[in-house]
Amino acid sequence: MFMLPVIHSDIIKSLSQDCHRAMKQIFDLCYAPLCIFAMRFTTNMVIAEEIVSDVMNKVWQNRHTGYRADTFREYLYTATRNTALNYLKQKQNLRKLHDNWAERFHDELIEETPLDQLITKETQSQLYSLMNALPEQCRKAFLMSRLNDMTYEEIAAQMNISVNTVKYHIKTALQKLRAGMEELRG
């Protein structure tokens, strides 16, 4: 690994005074070694270069914060490492999000067979029968929650009942629907 050179205090002082030449000196001295350092995390030179460019941009944006020459190298290493780790974390989160969406909509991407369609229709019919068997207030609260995406507070206001009563109705509806579906399957 290439070591970062010592950045002299006069360059840091000039940087804090908005000297573009000082920033160019820092860039010229540190860019390549920091890219090699960032490659340890990303294993991709293009991404490493983007990360180091972001770090250099932050250095310029924060030039008035009073960098210290004796800790500036450590700051650059730390900023590069943290930016690389944040990139990897974001990439991992995007991959998880993509996987969750793919899993969630997998069934919709597969063409249904006539048997699948028949089973779906029968299940829906059974579910509608079970919902119609619910007490009126219970069914009404459940449908407002699930079909209209209303909050418990909105349902309570519309039905002129307490939020706890709404919670009770929805809990009861879910329990009866689950029990009814299990009974039909079993």
N, C-alpha and C. Protein backbone atom coordinates (compact mmCIF):
# COMPACT_ATOMS: atom_id res chain seq x y z
N MET A 1 0.84 -1.18 0.00
CA MET A 1 0.00 0.00 0.00
C MET A 1 0.88 1.25 0.00
N PHE A 2 0.49 2.22 -0.76
CA PHE A 2 1.18 3.50 -0.76
C PHE A 2 0.78 4.28 0.47
N MET A 3 1.75 4.84 1.13
CA MET A 3 1.47 5.67 2.31
C MET A 3 1.21 7.10 1.87
N LEU A 4 0.32 7.73 2.57
CA LEU A 4 0.07 9.14 2.29
C LEU A 4 1.26 9.96 2.77
N PRO A 5 1.64 10.94 2.00
CA PRO A 5 2.74 11.81 2.44
C PRO A 5 2.26 12.72 3.57
N VAL A 6 3.19 13.27 4.28
CA VAL A 6 2.87 14.25 5.31
C VAL A 6 2.40 15.52 4.61
N ILE A 7 1.28 16.05 5.06
CA ILE A 7 0.76 17.30 4.52
C ILE A 7 1.21 18.41 5.47
N HIS A 8 2.00 19.30 4.96
CA HIS A 8 2.57 20.36 5.80
C HIS A 8 1.51 21.35 6.25
N SER A 9 1.76 21.94 7.40
CA SER A 9 0.80 22.86 8.00
C SER A 9 0.54 24.08 7.12
N ASP A 10 1.51 24.51 6.32
CA ASP A 10 1.27 25.67 5.47
C ASP A 10 0.23 25.34 4.38
N ILE A 11 0.19 24.09 3.92
CA ILE A 11 -0.83 23.69 2.93
C ILE A 11 -2.20 23.67 3.60
N ILE A 12 -2.26 23.14 4.82
CA ILE A 12 -3.53 23.09 5.55
C ILE A 12 -4.03 24.51 5.83
N LYS A 13 -3.13 25.39 6.20
CA LYS A 13 -3.50 26.78 6.48
C LYS A 13 -4.02 27.45 5.21
N SER A 14 -3.33 27.24 4.10
CA SER A 14 -3.77 27.82 2.83
C SER A 14 -5.13 27.26 2.42
N LEU A 15 -5.35 25.98 2.68
CA LEU A 15 -6.64 25.36 2.36
C LEU A 15 -7.75 26.05 3.12
N SER A 16 -7.54 26.31 4.40
CA SER A 16 -8.57 26.95 5.22
C SER A 16 -8.83 28.39 4.79
N GLN A 17 -7.92 28.95 3.98
CA GLN A 17 -8.08 30.31 3.47
C GLN A 17 -8.59 30.29 2.02
N ASP A 18 -9.24 29.19 1.64
CA ASP A 18 -9.86 29.04 0.32
C ASP A 18 -8.88 29.00 -0.84
N CYS A 19 -7.69 28.51 -0.61
CA CYS A 19 -6.68 28.43 -1.66
C CYS A 19 -6.90 27.16 -2.49
N HIS A 20 -7.30 27.36 -3.74
CA HIS A 20 -7.53 26.24 -4.64
C HIS A 20 -6.23 25.47 -4.94
N ARG A 21 -5.15 26.18 -4.98
CA ARG A 21 -3.87 25.54 -5.24
C ARG A 21 -3.50 24.56 -4.12
N ALA A 22 -3.84 24.91 -2.87
CA ALA A 22 -3.57 24.02 -1.75
C ALA A 22 -4.42 22.74 -1.88
N MET A 23 -5.66 22.91 -2.30
CA MET A 23 -6.52 21.74 -2.50
C MET A 23 -5.97 20.87 -3.61
N LYS A 24 -5.48 21.48 -4.67
CA LYS A 24 -4.90 20.72 -5.78
C LYS A 24 -3.66 19.95 -5.31
N GLN A 25 -2.85 20.58 -4.45
CA GLN A 25 -1.67 19.89 -3.92
C GLN A 25 -2.09 18.66 -3.11
N ILE A 26 -3.08 18.83 -2.26
CA ILE A 26 -3.57 17.71 -1.45
C ILE A 26 -4.10 16.62 -2.38
N PHE A 27 -4.86 17.02 -3.36
CA PHE A 27 -5.43 16.05 -4.31
C PHE A 27 -4.31 15.29 -5.02
N ASP A 28 -3.36 16.02 -5.54
CA ASP A 28 -2.26 15.39 -6.28
C ASP A 28 -1.43 14.44 -5.41
N LEU A 29 -1.24 14.80 -4.16
CA LEU A 29 -0.44 13.97 -3.26
C LEU A 29 -1.21 12.74 -2.74
N CYS A 30 -2.50 12.88 -2.54
CA CYS A 30 -3.24 11.86 -1.80
C CYS A 30 -4.20 11.02 -2.63
N TYR A 31 -4.58 11.48 -3.80
CA TYR A 31 -5.62 10.78 -4.57
C TYR A 31 -5.25 9.33 -4.87
N ALA A 32 -4.11 9.10 -5.47
CA ALA A 32 -3.72 7.73 -5.86
C ALA A 32 -3.57 6.80 -4.65
N PRO A 33 -2.88 7.20 -3.59
CA PRO A 33 -2.77 6.30 -2.44
C PRO A 33 -4.13 6.01 -1.78
N LEU A 34 -5.01 7.02 -1.76
CA LEU A 34 -6.32 6.79 -1.17
C LEU A 34 -7.18 5.86 -2.04
N CYS A 35 -7.01 5.95 -3.35
CA CYS A 35 -7.73 5.04 -4.25
C CYS A 35 -7.30 3.60 -4.00
N ILE A 36 -6.02 3.40 -3.83
CA ILE A 36 -5.51 2.05 -3.54
C ILE A 36 -6.05 1.57 -2.20
N PHE A 37 -6.10 2.47 -1.23
CA PHE A 37 -6.65 2.13 0.08
C PHE A 37 -8.14 1.77 -0.03
N ALA A 38 -8.89 2.55 -0.78
CA ALA A 38 -10.33 2.30 -0.94
C ALA A 38 -10.60 0.99 -1.67
N MET A 39 -9.66 0.61 -2.55
CA MET A 39 -9.80 -0.65 -3.27
C MET A 39 -9.83 -1.85 -2.33
N ARG A 40 -9.22 -1.73 -1.17
CA ARG A 40 -9.25 -2.82 -0.19
C ARG A 40 -10.69 -3.16 0.20
N PHE A 41 -11.56 -2.16 0.17
CA PHE A 41 -12.95 -2.35 0.59
C PHE A 41 -13.86 -2.67 -0.60
N THR A 42 -13.65 -1.98 -1.72
CA THR A 42 -14.59 -2.08 -2.83
C THR A 42 -14.18 -3.10 -3.88
N THR A 43 -12.92 -3.39 -4.02
CA THR A 43 -12.35 -4.26 -5.06
C THR A 43 -12.73 -3.80 -6.47
N ASN A 44 -13.10 -2.53 -6.59
CA ASN A 44 -13.48 -1.97 -7.88
C ASN A 44 -12.87 -0.58 -7.97
N MET A 45 -11.97 -0.39 -8.93
CA MET A 45 -11.24 0.88 -9.01
C MET A 45 -12.16 2.06 -9.31
N VAL A 46 -13.16 1.87 -10.14
CA VAL A 46 -14.07 2.97 -10.47
C VAL A 46 -14.80 3.43 -9.21
N ILE A 47 -15.30 2.49 -8.43
CA ILE A 47 -15.98 2.83 -7.17
C ILE A 47 -15.00 3.47 -6.20
N ALA A 48 -13.79 2.93 -6.12
CA ALA A 48 -12.77 3.50 -5.23
C ALA A 48 -12.48 4.95 -5.60
N GLU A 49 -12.37 5.22 -6.89
CA GLU A 49 -12.12 6.59 -7.34
C GLU A 49 -13.28 7.52 -6.98
N GLU A 50 -14.52 7.02 -7.11
CA GLU A 50 -15.68 7.83 -6.72
C GLU A 50 -15.65 8.13 -5.23
N ILE A 51 -15.29 7.13 -4.44
CA ILE A 51 -15.23 7.30 -2.99
C ILE A 51 -14.19 8.35 -2.62
N VAL A 52 -13.01 8.25 -3.22
CA VAL A 52 -11.95 9.21 -2.91
C VAL A 52 -12.34 10.60 -3.41
N SER A 53 -13.00 10.68 -4.55
CA SER A 53 -13.47 11.98 -5.04
C SER A 53 -14.46 12.59 -4.05
N ASP A 54 -15.34 11.75 -3.49
CA ASP A 54 -16.27 12.24 -2.47
C ASP A 54 -15.53 12.75 -1.25
N VAL A 55 -14.50 12.02 -0.84
CA VAL A 55 -13.71 12.44 0.33
C VAL A 55 -13.04 13.78 0.04
N MET A 56 -12.45 13.91 -1.13
CA MET A 56 -11.79 15.17 -1.49
C MET A 56 -12.79 16.32 -1.54
N ASN A 57 -13.97 16.04 -2.02
CA ASN A 57 -15.01 17.07 -2.05
C ASN A 57 -15.38 17.48 -0.63
N LYS A 58 -15.47 16.52 0.29
CA LYS A 58 -15.76 16.83 1.70
C LYS A 58 -14.64 17.66 2.32
N VAL A 59 -13.41 17.34 1.95
CA VAL A 59 -12.27 18.12 2.46
C VAL A 59 -12.45 19.58 2.06
N TRP A 60 -12.78 19.79 0.80
CA TRP A 60 -12.94 21.17 0.32
C TRP A 60 -14.14 21.84 0.99
N GLN A 61 -15.25 21.14 1.11
CA GLN A 61 -16.45 21.70 1.73
C GLN A 61 -16.21 22.05 3.20
N ASN A 62 -15.40 21.27 3.87
CA ASN A 62 -15.15 21.47 5.30
C ASN A 62 -13.81 22.16 5.58
N ARG A 63 -13.29 22.85 4.61
CA ARG A 63 -11.94 23.45 4.73
C ARG A 63 -11.85 24.47 5.86
N HIS A 64 -12.97 25.00 6.30
CA HIS A 64 -12.95 26.02 7.36
C HIS A 64 -13.06 25.41 8.75
N THR A 65 -13.11 24.09 8.84
CA THR A 65 -13.28 23.45 10.15
C THR A 65 -11.99 23.38 10.96
N GLY A 66 -10.89 23.74 10.36
CA GLY A 66 -9.63 23.78 11.10
C GLY A 66 -8.93 22.45 11.16
N TYR A 67 -8.65 21.86 10.00
CA TYR A 67 -7.87 20.63 9.97
C TYR A 67 -6.52 20.86 10.64
N ARG A 68 -6.01 19.81 11.26
CA ARG A 68 -4.69 19.88 11.87
C ARG A 68 -3.73 19.07 11.02
N ALA A 69 -2.58 19.63 10.75
CA ALA A 69 -1.59 18.97 9.90
C ALA A 69 -1.13 17.64 10.50
N ASP A 70 -1.03 17.57 11.83
CA ASP A 70 -0.51 16.35 12.45
C ASP A 70 -1.51 15.19 12.43
N THR A 71 -2.79 15.46 12.17
CA THR A 71 -3.79 14.39 12.12
C THR A 71 -4.49 14.31 10.76
N PHE A 72 -4.06 15.10 9.81
CA PHE A 72 -4.76 15.17 8.52
C PHE A 72 -4.70 13.85 7.76
N ARG A 73 -3.57 13.18 7.79
CA ARG A 73 -3.45 11.89 7.11
C ARG A 73 -4.43 10.88 7.70
N GLU A 74 -4.50 10.83 9.01
CA GLU A 74 -5.43 9.91 9.67
C GLU A 74 -6.87 10.25 9.31
N TYR A 75 -7.13 11.56 9.25
CA TYR A 75 -8.47 12.00 8.85
C TYR A 75 -8.81 11.47 7.45
N LEU A 76 -7.89 11.60 6.50
CA LEU A 76 -8.14 11.15 5.14
C LEU A 76 -8.37 9.64 5.08
N TYR A 77 -7.55 8.88 5.80
CA TYR A 77 -7.75 7.43 5.84
C TYR A 77 -9.11 7.07 6.45
N THR A 78 -9.43 7.71 7.56
CA THR A 78 -10.69 7.42 8.24
C THR A 78 -11.89 7.80 7.36
N ALA A 79 -11.82 8.97 6.75
CA ALA A 79 -12.92 9.42 5.89
C ALA A 79 -13.09 8.48 4.70
N THR A 80 -11.98 8.03 4.13
CA THR A 80 -12.04 7.11 2.99
C THR A 80 -12.62 5.77 3.42
N ARG A 81 -12.15 5.26 4.55
CA ARG A 81 -12.68 3.98 5.06
C ARG A 81 -14.17 4.08 5.34
N ASN A 82 -14.59 5.13 6.03
CA ASN A 82 -16.01 5.28 6.39
C ASN A 82 -16.88 5.45 5.15
N THR A 83 -16.41 6.20 4.18
CA THR A 83 -17.17 6.39 2.94
C THR A 83 -17.29 5.06 2.20
N ALA A 84 -16.21 4.30 2.16
CA ALA A 84 -16.25 2.98 1.51
C ALA A 84 -17.21 2.04 2.24
N LEU A 85 -17.16 2.02 3.55
CA LEU A 85 -18.05 1.15 4.33
C LEU A 85 -19.51 1.57 4.16
N ASN A 86 -19.75 2.88 4.13
CA ASN A 86 -21.12 3.36 3.89
C ASN A 86 -21.61 2.94 2.52
N TYR A 87 -20.73 3.01 1.53
CA TYR A 87 -21.09 2.56 0.19
C TYR A 87 -21.47 1.08 0.20
N LEU A 88 -20.65 0.26 0.86
CA LEU A 88 -20.91 -1.18 0.91
C LEU A 88 -22.22 -1.47 1.66
N LYS A 89 -22.46 -0.73 2.73
CA LYS A 89 -23.69 -0.92 3.50
C LYS A 89 -24.91 -0.55 2.65
N GLN A 90 -24.80 0.56 1.93
CA GLN A 90 -25.90 0.99 1.07
C GLN A 90 -26.13 -0.03 -0.05
N LYS A 91 -25.05 -0.54 -0.61
CA LYS A 91 -25.15 -1.55 -1.66
C LYS A 91 -25.83 -2.81 -1.12
N GLN A 92 -25.46 -3.21 0.10
CA GLN A 92 -26.06 -4.38 0.72
C GLN A 92 -27.54 -4.15 0.99
N ASN A 93 -27.89 -2.96 1.47
CA ASN A 93 -29.30 -2.64 1.73
C ASN A 93 -30.11 -2.65 0.44
N LEU A 94 -29.53 -2.13 -0.64
CA LEU A 94 -30.22 -2.15 -1.92
C LEU A 94 -30.42 -3.58 -2.40
N ARG A 95 -29.42 -4.42 -2.19
CA ARG A 95 -29.54 -5.83 -2.58
C ARG A 95 -30.64 -6.51 -1.78
N LYS A 96 -30.71 -6.23 -0.47
CA LYS A 96 -31.75 -6.82 0.36
C LYS A 96 -33.13 -6.34 -0.09
N LEU A 97 -33.23 -5.04 -0.38
CA LEU A 97 -34.50 -4.49 -0.84
C LEU A 97 -34.91 -5.15 -2.15
N HIS A 98 -33.96 -5.30 -3.07
CA HIS A 98 -34.25 -5.95 -4.35
C HIS A 98 -34.69 -7.39 -4.12
N ASP A 99 -33.99 -8.12 -3.26
CA ASP A 99 -34.35 -9.50 -2.98
C ASP A 99 -35.74 -9.61 -2.36
N ASN A 100 -36.06 -8.67 -1.44
CA ASN A 100 -37.38 -8.68 -0.82
C ASN A 100 -38.47 -8.44 -1.85
N TRP A 101 -38.24 -7.46 -2.72
CA TRP A 101 -39.24 -7.18 -3.77
C TRP A 101 -39.37 -8.36 -4.72
N ALA A 102 -38.26 -8.95 -5.09
CA ALA A 102 -38.30 -10.10 -6.00
C ALA A 102 -39.07 -11.25 -5.36
N GLU A 103 -38.82 -11.49 -4.09
CA GLU A 103 -39.51 -12.57 -3.38
C GLU A 103 -41.00 -12.26 -3.25
N ARG A 104 -41.29 -11.00 -2.95
CA ARG A 104 -42.68 -10.59 -2.72
C ARG A 104 -43.51 -10.73 -3.99
N PHE A 105 -42.92 -10.38 -5.13
CA PHE A 105 -43.69 -10.39 -6.37
C PHE A 105 -43.38 -11.60 -7.25
N HIS A 106 -42.65 -12.56 -6.71
CA HIS A 106 -42.31 -13.76 -7.46
C HIS A 106 -43.57 -14.47 -7.98
N ASP A 107 -44.55 -14.62 -7.10
CA ASP A 107 -45.77 -15.32 -7.48
C ASP A 107 -46.51 -14.59 -8.60
N GLU A 108 -46.43 -13.26 -8.60
CA GLU A 108 -47.12 -12.50 -9.64
C GLU A 108 -46.43 -12.63 -10.99
N LEU A 109 -45.14 -12.95 -10.97
CA LEU A 109 -44.41 -13.07 -12.22
C LEU A 109 -44.60 -14.43 -12.88
N ILE A 110 -45.04 -15.39 -12.09
CA ILE A 110 -45.27 -16.73 -12.62
C ILE A 110 -46.70 -16.80 -13.14
N GLU A 111 -46.84 -17.31 -14.35
CA GLU A 111 -48.17 -17.43 -14.95
C GLU A 111 -48.98 -18.48 -14.20
N GLU A 112 -50.22 -18.13 -13.86
CA GLU A 112 -51.06 -19.06 -13.13
C GLU A 112 -51.67 -20.08 -14.07
N THR A 113 -51.73 -21.30 -13.58
CA THR A 113 -52.39 -22.36 -14.35
C THR A 113 -53.89 -22.28 -14.07
N PRO A 114 -54.72 -22.94 -14.88
CA PRO A 114 -56.16 -22.95 -14.60
C PRO A 114 -56.48 -23.49 -13.20
N LEU A 115 -55.71 -24.49 -12.75
CA LEU A 115 -55.93 -25.03 -11.41
C LEU A 115 -55.63 -23.97 -10.34
N ASP A 116 -54.52 -23.22 -10.54
CA ASP A 116 -54.18 -22.14 -9.61
C ASP A 116 -55.30 -21.11 -9.55
N GLN A 117 -55.84 -20.78 -10.71
CA GLN A 117 -56.92 -19.78 -10.78
C GLN A 117 -58.16 -20.29 -10.05
N LEU A 118 -58.48 -21.58 -10.22
CA LEU A 118 -59.64 -22.17 -9.55
C LEU A 118 -59.45 -22.15 -8.04
N ILE A 119 -58.26 -22.53 -7.59
CA ILE A 119 -57.97 -22.54 -6.16
C ILE A 119 -58.06 -21.12 -5.60
N THR A 120 -57.54 -20.15 -6.33
CA THR A 120 -57.60 -18.75 -5.89
C THR A 120 -59.05 -18.30 -5.78
N LYS A 121 -59.88 -18.63 -6.76
CA LYS A 121 -61.30 -18.24 -6.73
C LYS A 121 -62.01 -18.90 -5.56
N GLU A 122 -61.73 -20.18 -5.33
CA GLU A 122 -62.36 -20.88 -4.21
C GLU A 122 -61.94 -20.28 -2.87
N THR A 123 -60.65 -19.98 -2.75
CA THR A 123 -60.14 -19.39 -1.51
C THR A 123 -60.77 -18.02 -1.28
N GLN A 124 -60.86 -17.21 -2.35
CA GLN A 124 -61.49 -15.90 -2.21
C GLN A 124 -62.95 -16.04 -1.81
N SER A 125 -63.64 -16.98 -2.42
CA SER A 125 -65.05 -17.20 -2.09
C SER A 125 -65.21 -17.59 -0.63
N GLN A 126 -64.35 -18.48 -0.15
CA GLN A 126 -64.39 -18.90 1.24
C GLN A 126 -64.09 -17.73 2.17
N LEU A 127 -63.12 -16.92 1.77
CA LEU A 127 -62.75 -15.76 2.59
C LEU A 127 -63.90 -14.76 2.66
N TYR A 128 -64.58 -14.52 1.53
CA TYR A 128 -65.73 -13.60 1.54
C TYR A 128 -66.85 -14.14 2.42
N SER A 129 -67.06 -15.45 2.37
CA SER A 129 -68.10 -16.05 3.22
C SER A 129 -67.75 -15.86 4.70
N LEU A 130 -66.48 -16.08 5.02
CA LEU A 130 -66.06 -15.89 6.41
C LEU A 130 -66.20 -14.43 6.85
N MET A 131 -65.85 -13.50 5.96
CA MET A 131 -65.98 -12.08 6.31
C MET A 131 -67.43 -11.70 6.50
N ASN A 132 -68.33 -12.24 5.66
CA ASN A 132 -69.75 -11.93 5.80
C ASN A 132 -70.34 -12.50 7.08
N ALA A 133 -69.69 -13.53 7.62
CA ALA A 133 -70.16 -14.13 8.88
C ALA A 133 -69.70 -13.34 10.11
N LEU A 134 -68.80 -12.39 9.92
CA LEU A 134 -68.33 -11.58 11.06
C LEU A 134 -69.44 -10.65 11.53
N PRO A 135 -69.42 -10.30 12.82
CA PRO A 135 -70.37 -9.28 13.29
C PRO A 135 -70.17 -7.97 12.50
N GLU A 136 -71.24 -7.24 12.31
CA GLU A 136 -71.21 -6.07 11.42
C GLU A 136 -70.12 -5.06 11.77
N GLN A 137 -70.03 -4.65 13.03
CA GLN A 137 -69.03 -3.66 13.43
C GLN A 137 -67.61 -4.19 13.23
N CYS A 138 -67.44 -5.46 13.52
CA CYS A 138 -66.14 -6.11 13.37
C CYS A 138 -65.74 -6.12 11.89
N ARG A 139 -66.67 -6.54 11.03
CA ARG A 139 -66.41 -6.59 9.59
C ARG A 139 -66.12 -5.19 9.04
N LYS A 140 -66.91 -4.23 9.47
CA LYS A 140 -66.75 -2.86 8.98
C LYS A 140 -65.37 -2.30 9.35
N ALA A 141 -64.95 -2.49 10.60
CA ALA A 141 -63.64 -2.01 11.04
C ALA A 141 -62.52 -2.71 10.28
N PHE A 142 -62.66 -4.01 10.10
CA PHE A 142 -61.63 -4.78 9.38
C PHE A 142 -61.50 -4.31 7.93
N LEU A 143 -62.62 -4.15 7.25
CA LEU A 143 -62.58 -3.73 5.85
C LEU A 143 -62.02 -2.31 5.69
N MET A 144 -62.37 -1.43 6.62
CA MET A 144 -61.84 -0.06 6.56
C MET A 144 -60.32 -0.09 6.72
N SER A 145 -59.84 -0.97 7.59
CA SER A 145 -58.40 -1.06 7.83
C SER A 145 -57.68 -1.68 6.64
N ARG A 146 -58.20 -2.79 6.15
CA ARG A 146 -57.47 -3.55 5.13
C ARG A 146 -57.73 -3.06 3.70
N LEU A 147 -58.94 -2.67 3.40
CA LEU A 147 -59.24 -2.26 2.02
C LEU A 147 -59.01 -0.77 1.79
N ASN A 148 -59.30 0.04 2.79
CA ASN A 148 -59.17 1.49 2.63
C ASN A 148 -57.89 2.04 3.23
N ASP A 149 -57.06 1.16 3.82
CA ASP A 149 -55.80 1.57 4.45
C ASP A 149 -55.99 2.70 5.45
N MET A 150 -57.08 2.64 6.19
CA MET A 150 -57.34 3.67 7.20
C MET A 150 -56.62 3.31 8.49
N THR A 151 -56.20 4.32 9.22
CA THR A 151 -55.58 4.09 10.53
C THR A 151 -56.66 3.79 11.56
N TYR A 152 -56.23 3.24 12.68
CA TYR A 152 -57.19 2.95 13.75
C TYR A 152 -57.90 4.23 14.20
N GLU A 153 -57.17 5.33 14.24
CA GLU A 153 -57.75 6.60 14.65
C GLU A 153 -58.82 7.06 13.67
N GLU A 154 -58.54 6.91 12.38
CA GLU A 154 -59.52 7.31 11.35
C GLU A 154 -60.76 6.44 11.43
N ILE A 155 -60.57 5.15 11.65
CA ILE A 155 -61.71 4.23 11.76
C ILE A 155 -62.54 4.59 12.98
N ALA A 156 -61.85 4.84 14.10
CA ALA A 156 -62.55 5.19 15.34
C ALA A 156 -63.39 6.44 15.15
N ALA A 157 -62.84 7.44 14.49
CA ALA A 157 -63.57 8.69 14.26
C ALA A 157 -64.78 8.44 13.36
N GLN A 158 -64.61 7.66 12.32
CA GLN A 158 -65.70 7.44 11.38
C GLN A 158 -66.81 6.57 11.99
N MET A 159 -66.41 5.59 12.80
CA MET A 159 -67.39 4.69 13.40
C MET A 159 -67.91 5.20 14.74
N ASN A 160 -67.31 6.30 15.23
CA ASN A 160 -67.69 6.90 16.50
C ASN A 160 -67.52 5.91 17.66
N ILE A 161 -66.34 5.25 17.67
CA ILE A 161 -65.98 4.32 18.73
C ILE A 161 -64.54 4.63 19.15
N SER A 162 -64.08 4.01 20.22
CA SER A 162 -62.72 4.26 20.68
C SER A 162 -61.70 3.49 19.84
N VAL A 163 -60.46 3.94 19.89
CA VAL A 163 -59.38 3.27 19.17
C VAL A 163 -59.20 1.85 19.71
N ASN A 164 -59.34 1.68 21.01
CA ASN A 164 -59.21 0.34 21.60
C ASN A 164 -60.30 -0.60 21.08
N THR A 165 -61.49 -0.07 20.86
CA THR A 165 -62.57 -0.89 20.31
C THR A 165 -62.25 -1.29 18.88
N VAL A 166 -61.66 -0.37 18.13
CA VAL A 166 -61.25 -0.68 16.75
C VAL A 166 -60.22 -1.81 16.79
N LYS A 167 -59.23 -1.68 17.67
CA LYS A 167 -58.20 -2.72 17.79
C LYS A 167 -58.84 -4.06 18.14
N TYR A 168 -59.80 -4.05 19.04
CA TYR A 168 -60.49 -5.28 19.44
C TYR A 168 -61.21 -5.90 18.24
N HIS A 169 -61.95 -5.07 17.49
CA HIS A 169 -62.69 -5.57 16.32
C HIS A 169 -61.75 -6.20 15.29
N ILE A 170 -60.63 -5.53 15.00
CA ILE A 170 -59.71 -6.04 13.98
C ILE A 170 -59.03 -7.32 14.46
N LYS A 171 -58.66 -7.35 15.73
CA LYS A 171 -58.06 -8.56 16.30
C LYS A 171 -59.04 -9.73 16.24
N THR A 172 -60.28 -9.47 16.58
CA THR A 172 -61.32 -10.49 16.53
C THR A 172 -61.53 -10.98 15.11
N ALA A 173 -61.58 -10.05 14.15
CA ALA A 173 -61.77 -10.42 12.74
C ALA A 173 -60.63 -11.31 12.27
N LEU A 174 -59.41 -10.94 12.58
CA LEU A 174 -58.26 -11.74 12.14
C LEU A 174 -58.29 -13.13 12.76
N GLN A 175 -58.63 -13.21 14.03
CA GLN A 175 -58.69 -14.51 14.69
C GLN A 175 -59.76 -15.41 14.06
N LYS A 176 -60.93 -14.84 13.79
CA LYS A 176 -62.02 -15.62 13.21
C LYS A 176 -61.72 -16.02 11.77
N LEU A 177 -61.09 -15.12 11.02
CA LEU A 177 -60.75 -15.44 9.63
C LEU A 177 -59.68 -16.54 9.58
N ARG A 178 -58.66 -16.43 10.44
CA ARG A 178 -57.62 -17.47 10.48
C ARG A 178 -58.21 -18.83 10.87
N ALA A 179 -59.01 -18.81 11.91
CA ALA A 179 -59.62 -20.07 12.37
C ALA A 179 -60.51 -20.66 11.30
N GLY A 180 -61.29 -19.82 10.62
CA GLY A 180 -62.16 -20.31 9.55
C GLY A 180 -61.39 -20.89 8.39
N MET A 181 -60.29 -20.24 7.99
CA MET A 181 -59.49 -20.73 6.87
C MET A 181 -58.80 -22.05 7.26
N GLU A 182 -58.32 -22.16 8.50
CA GLU A 182 -57.69 -23.40 8.95
C GLU A 182 -58.70 -24.53 8.97
N GLU A 183 -59.91 -24.22 9.40
CA GLU A 183 -60.97 -25.23 9.45
C GLU A 183 -61.32 -25.70 8.03
N LEU A 184 -61.35 -24.80 7.09
CA LEU A 184 -61.67 -25.16 5.71
C LEU A 184 -60.56 -26.00 5.09
N ARG A 185 -59.32 -25.71 5.45
CA ARG A 185 -58.17 -26.47 4.91
C ARG A 185 -58.06 -27.85 5.51
N GLY A 186 -58.42 -27.92 6.80
CA GLY A 186 -58.12 -29.13 7.55
C GLY A 186 -59.17 -30.15 7.47
